[in-house]
C-alpha atoms as a PDB file:
ATOM      1  CA  UNK A   1      -6.682   4.902  14.225  1.00  0.00           C
ATOM      2  CA  UNK A   2      -9.644   2.186  13.328  1.00  0.00           C
ATOM      3  CA  UNK A   3     -10.639   1.612  16.880  1.00  0.00           C
ATOM      4  CA  UNK A   4      -9.554   4.061  18.733  1.00  0.00           C
ATOM      5  CA  UNK A   5     -12.697   5.776  20.376  1.00  0.00           C
ATOM      6  CA  UNK A   6     -12.995   9.565  19.059  1.00  0.00           C
ATOM      7  CA  UNK A   7     -13.425  12.689  21.511  1.00  0.00           C
ATOM      8  CA  UNK A   8     -16.051  15.552  21.070  1.00  0.00           C
ATOM      9  CA  UNK A   9     -12.989  17.618  19.854  1.00  0.00           C
ATOM     10  CA  UNK A  10     -11.830  14.882  16.546  1.00  0.00           C
ATOM     11  CA  UNK A  11      -9.635  14.045  18.551  1.00  0.00           C
ATOM     12  CA  UNK A  12      -8.471  11.084  20.731  1.00  0.00           C
ATOM     13  CA  UNK A  13      -9.389  11.265  24.532  1.00  0.00           C
ATOM     14  CA  UNK A  14      -6.698  12.190  27.010  1.00  0.00           C
ATOM     15  CA  UNK A  15      -4.470   8.049  27.578  1.00  0.00           C
ATOM     16  CA  UNK A  16      -4.871   9.304  31.136  1.00  0.00           C
ATOM     17  CA  UNK A  17      -8.249   9.396  30.933  1.00  0.00           C
ATOM     18  CA  UNK A  18      -7.700   5.548  31.749  1.00  0.00           C
ATOM     19  CA  UNK A  19      -6.067   5.847  35.139  1.00  0.00           C
ATOM     20  CA  UNK A  20      -8.621   8.219  36.816  1.00  0.00           C
ATOM     21  CA  UNK A  21     -11.263   7.652  38.891  1.00  0.00           C
ATOM     22  CA  UNK A  22     -13.785  10.795  37.247  1.00  0.00           C
ATOM     23  CA  UNK A  23     -13.134  10.509  33.535  1.00  0.00           C
ATOM     24  CA  UNK A  24     -13.171  13.508  32.114  1.00  0.00           C
ATOM     25  CA  UNK A  25     -14.398  14.819  29.039  1.00  0.00           C
ATOM     26  CA  UNK A  26     -13.118  17.066  26.081  1.00  0.00           C
ATOM     27  CA  UNK A  27     -15.868  19.700  25.377  1.00  0.00           C
ATOM     28  CA  UNK A  28     -16.354  20.648  21.244  1.00  0.00           C
ATOM     29  CA  UNK A  29     -17.739  24.212  21.807  1.00  0.00           C
ATOM     30  CA  UNK A  30     -16.149  25.150  24.868  1.00  0.00           C
ATOM     31  CA  UNK A  31     -18.999  26.874  27.208  1.00  0.00           C
ATOM     32  CA  UNK A  32     -19.326  30.315  30.039  1.00  0.00           C
ATOM     33  CA  UNK A  33     -18.280  30.318  33.254  1.00  0.00           C
ATOM     34  CA  UNK A  34     -17.631  33.211  35.987  1.00  0.00           C
ATOM     35  CA  UNK A  35     -14.615  32.744  38.469  1.00  0.00           C
ATOM     36  CA  UNK A  36     -13.855  34.401  41.037  1.00  0.00           C
ATOM     37  CA  UNK A  37     -11.363  34.866  43.666  1.00  0.00           C
ATOM     38  CA  UNK A  38     -12.293  32.552  46.599  1.00  0.00           C
ATOM     39  CA  UNK A  39     -11.571  35.799  50.077  1.00  0.00           C
ATOM     40  CA  UNK A  40     -12.304  36.825  52.939  1.00  0.00           C
ATOM     41  CA  UNK A  41     -15.390  38.601  52.757  1.00  0.00           C
ATOM     42  CA  UNK A  42     -15.227  42.483  53.360  1.00  0.00           C
ATOM     43  CA  UNK A  43     -18.974  43.746  53.311  1.00  0.00           C
ATOM     44  CA  UNK A  44     -16.503  46.660  52.015  1.00  0.00           C
ATOM     45  CA  UNK A  45     -14.796  44.481  49.002  1.00  0.00           C
ATOM     46  CA  UNK A  46     -16.954  44.720  45.590  1.00  0.00           C
ATOM     47  CA  UNK A  47     -17.088  40.745  44.023  1.00  0.00           C
ATOM     48  CA  UNK A  48     -14.062  40.547  41.583  1.00  0.00           C
ATOM     49  CA  UNK A  49     -16.197  38.270  38.128  1.00  0.00           C
ATOM     50  CA  UNK A  50     -14.384  36.571  35.754  1.00  0.00           C
ATOM     51  CA  UNK A  51     -15.201  35.283  32.785  1.00  0.00           C
ATOM     52  CA  UNK A  52     -13.663  32.358  31.290  1.00  0.00           C
ATOM     53  CA  UNK A  53     -14.280  28.987  28.754  1.00  0.00           C
ATOM     54  CA  UNK A  54     -14.022  25.504  29.956  1.00  0.00           C
ATOM     55  CA  UNK A  55     -12.694  23.011  26.812  1.00  0.00           C
ATOM     56  CA  UNK A  56     -12.399  19.740  29.529  1.00  0.00           C
ATOM     57  CA  UNK A  57     -14.744  18.866  32.345  1.00  0.00           C
ATOM     58  CA  UNK A  58     -15.153  16.099  35.150  1.00  0.00           C
ATOM     59  CA  UNK A  59     -17.726  15.947  38.570  1.00  0.00           C
ATOM     60  CA  UNK A  60     -14.392  16.471  40.451  1.00  0.00           C
ATOM     61  CA  UNK A  61     -12.398  19.222  38.009  1.00  0.00           C
ATOM     62  CA  UNK A  62     -12.271  21.038  34.663  1.00  0.00           C
ATOM     63  CA  UNK A  63     -10.045  23.101  32.160  1.00  0.00           C
ATOM     64  CA  UNK A  64     -10.713  26.711  31.413  1.00  0.00           C
ATOM     65  CA  UNK A  65      -9.648  29.747  29.942  1.00  0.00           C
ATOM     66  CA  UNK A  66      -9.473  33.055  31.270  1.00  0.00           C
ATOM     67  CA  UNK A  67      -7.587  36.465  31.681  1.00  0.00           C
ATOM     68  CA  UNK A  68      -7.585  36.646  34.866  1.00  0.00           C
ATOM     69  CA  UNK A  69      -4.293  36.660  36.807  1.00  0.00           C
ATOM     70  CA  UNK A  70      -4.668  32.829  39.051  1.00  0.00           C
ATOM     71  CA  UNK A  71      -2.212  30.789  40.157  1.00  0.00           C
ATOM     72  CA  UNK A  72      -1.834  27.423  41.596  1.00  0.00           C
ATOM     73  CA  UNK A  73      -2.649  27.466  44.843  1.00  0.00           C
ATOM     74  CA  UNK A  74      -5.412  30.414  44.799  1.00  0.00           C
ATOM     75  CA  UNK A  75      -9.287  29.708  45.470  1.00  0.00           C
ATOM     76  CA  UNK A  76     -11.844  30.240  43.463  1.00  0.00           C
ATOM     77  CA  UNK A  77     -16.079  30.108  43.413  1.00  0.00           C
ATOM     78  CA  UNK A  78     -17.066  28.888  39.670  1.00  0.00           C
ATOM     79  CA  UNK A  79     -20.289  29.219  37.719  1.00  0.00           C
ATOM     80  CA  UNK A  80     -20.864  27.201  34.783  1.00  0.00           C
ATOM     81  CA  UNK A  81     -22.991  27.990  32.550  1.00  0.00           C
ATOM     82  CA  UNK A  82     -23.648  24.077  31.067  1.00  0.00           C
ATOM     83  CA  UNK A  83     -25.543  23.666  27.755  1.00  0.00           C
ATOM     84  CA  UNK A  84     -28.759  22.754  27.573  1.00  0.00           C
ATOM     85  CA  UNK A  85     -29.382  23.861  31.153  1.00  0.00           C
ATOM     86  CA  UNK A  86     -31.198  26.562  32.683  1.00  0.00           C
ATOM     87  CA  UNK A  87     -29.435  27.595  35.832  1.00  0.00           C
ATOM     88  CA  UNK A  88     -25.598  27.465  36.718  1.00  0.00           C
ATOM     89  CA  UNK A  89     -23.490  24.579  38.541  1.00  0.00           C
ATOM     90  CA  UNK A  90     -22.557  26.861  40.825  1.00  0.00           C
ATOM     91  CA  UNK A  91     -18.654  25.440  42.264  1.00  0.00           C
ATOM     92  CA  UNK A  92     -18.373  27.431  46.073  1.00  0.00           C
ATOM     93  CA  UNK A  93     -14.633  26.175  45.963  1.00  0.00           C
ATOM     94  CA  UNK A  94     -12.574  25.083  43.170  1.00  0.00           C
ATOM     95  CA  UNK A  95      -8.494  25.226  43.343  1.00  0.00           C
ATOM     96  CA  UNK A  96      -5.976  26.175  40.657  1.00  0.00           C
ATOM     97  CA  UNK A  97      -3.735  23.017  40.236  1.00  0.00           C
ATOM     98  CA  UNK A  98      -1.714  23.983  37.790  1.00  0.00           C
ATOM     99  CA  UNK A  99      -1.763  26.804  35.210  1.00  0.00           C
ATOM    100  CA  UNK A 100       0.433  27.014  31.449  1.00  0.00           C
ATOM    101  CA  UNK A 101      -0.329  31.007  30.015  1.00  0.00           C
ATOM    102  CA  UNK A 102      -3.579  31.343  29.994  1.00  0.00           C
ATOM    103  CA  UNK A 103      -5.365  28.199  30.408  1.00  0.00           C
ATOM    104  CA  UNK A 104      -5.755  26.673  34.235  1.00  0.00           C
ATOM    105  CA  UNK A 105      -6.736  23.013  35.669  1.00  0.00           C
ATOM    106  CA  UNK A 106      -9.511  23.691  39.071  1.00  0.00           C
ATOM    107  CA  UNK A 107     -10.044  21.123  41.193  1.00  0.00           C
ATOM    108  CA  UNK A 108     -13.625  20.826  42.803  1.00  0.00           C
ATOM    109  CA  UNK A 109     -12.930  21.195  46.928  1.00  0.00           C
ATOM    110  CA  UNK A 110     -17.390  22.742  47.638  1.00  0.00           C
ATOM    111  CA  UNK A 111     -19.909  21.767  45.861  1.00  0.00           C
ATOM    112  CA  UNK A 112     -23.542  21.265  46.589  1.00  0.00           C
ATOM    113  CA  UNK A 113     -25.188  17.945  45.912  1.00  0.00           C
ATOM    114  CA  UNK A 114     -27.371  19.261  43.263  1.00  0.00           C
ATOM    115  CA  UNK A 115     -24.361  20.575  41.650  1.00  0.00           C
ATOM    116  CA  UNK A 116     -22.537  17.605  41.728  1.00  0.00           C
ATOM    117  CA  UNK A 117     -25.950  15.445  40.665  1.00  0.00           C
ATOM    118  CA  UNK A 118     -26.232  18.289  37.912  1.00  0.00           C
ATOM    119  CA  UNK A 119     -22.173  17.241  36.598  1.00  0.00           C
ATOM    120  CA  UNK A 120     -22.637  13.723  36.750  1.00  0.00           C
ATOM    121  CA  UNK A 121     -25.328  13.800  34.403  1.00  0.00           C
ATOM    122  CA  UNK A 122     -23.823  15.961  31.887  1.00  0.00           C
ATOM    123  CA  UNK A 123     -20.651  14.591  31.703  1.00  0.00           C
ATOM    124  CA  UNK A 124     -22.209  10.794  31.191  1.00  0.00           C
ATOM    125  CA  UNK A 125     -24.215  12.198  27.993  1.00  0.00           C
ATOM    126  CA  UNK A 126     -21.514  13.525  26.717  1.00  0.00           C
ATOM    127  CA  UNK A 127     -19.441  10.533  27.180  1.00  0.00           C
ATOM    128  CA  UNK A 128     -21.825   8.404  25.166  1.00  0.00           C
ATOM    129  CA  UNK A 129     -22.068  11.218  22.675  1.00  0.00           C
ATOM    130  CA  UNK A 130     -18.472  10.412  22.700  1.00  0.00           C
ATOM    131  CA  UNK A 131     -18.933   6.254  22.143  1.00  0.00           C
END
């Protein structure tokens, strides 16, 4: 398949990436994240934290796998352990857009400027590695 760019996982990028405002990067080696449901906070309620793996990432969303039972419309807080970074990128609110088996499409709704900048740098570096 000469002439076609190849993703970090050895496959061609999604044809949908051409139409995305914020292109998605496939992650060759999935990295860890922590997810917790966003609910009304109660000092009596212990926070629930689930572990997941990130497979695709953009500055506006991600595809993750987890055993947590989320459904479309659920809101989650997300902590991304970006490779080669000391601190996690914190996403205050992400909405579950779709589910398939144990994979979830998340749309980032609220994140700090610092988290946005770090995601932007990571995606830019990962995109150059593909080219």
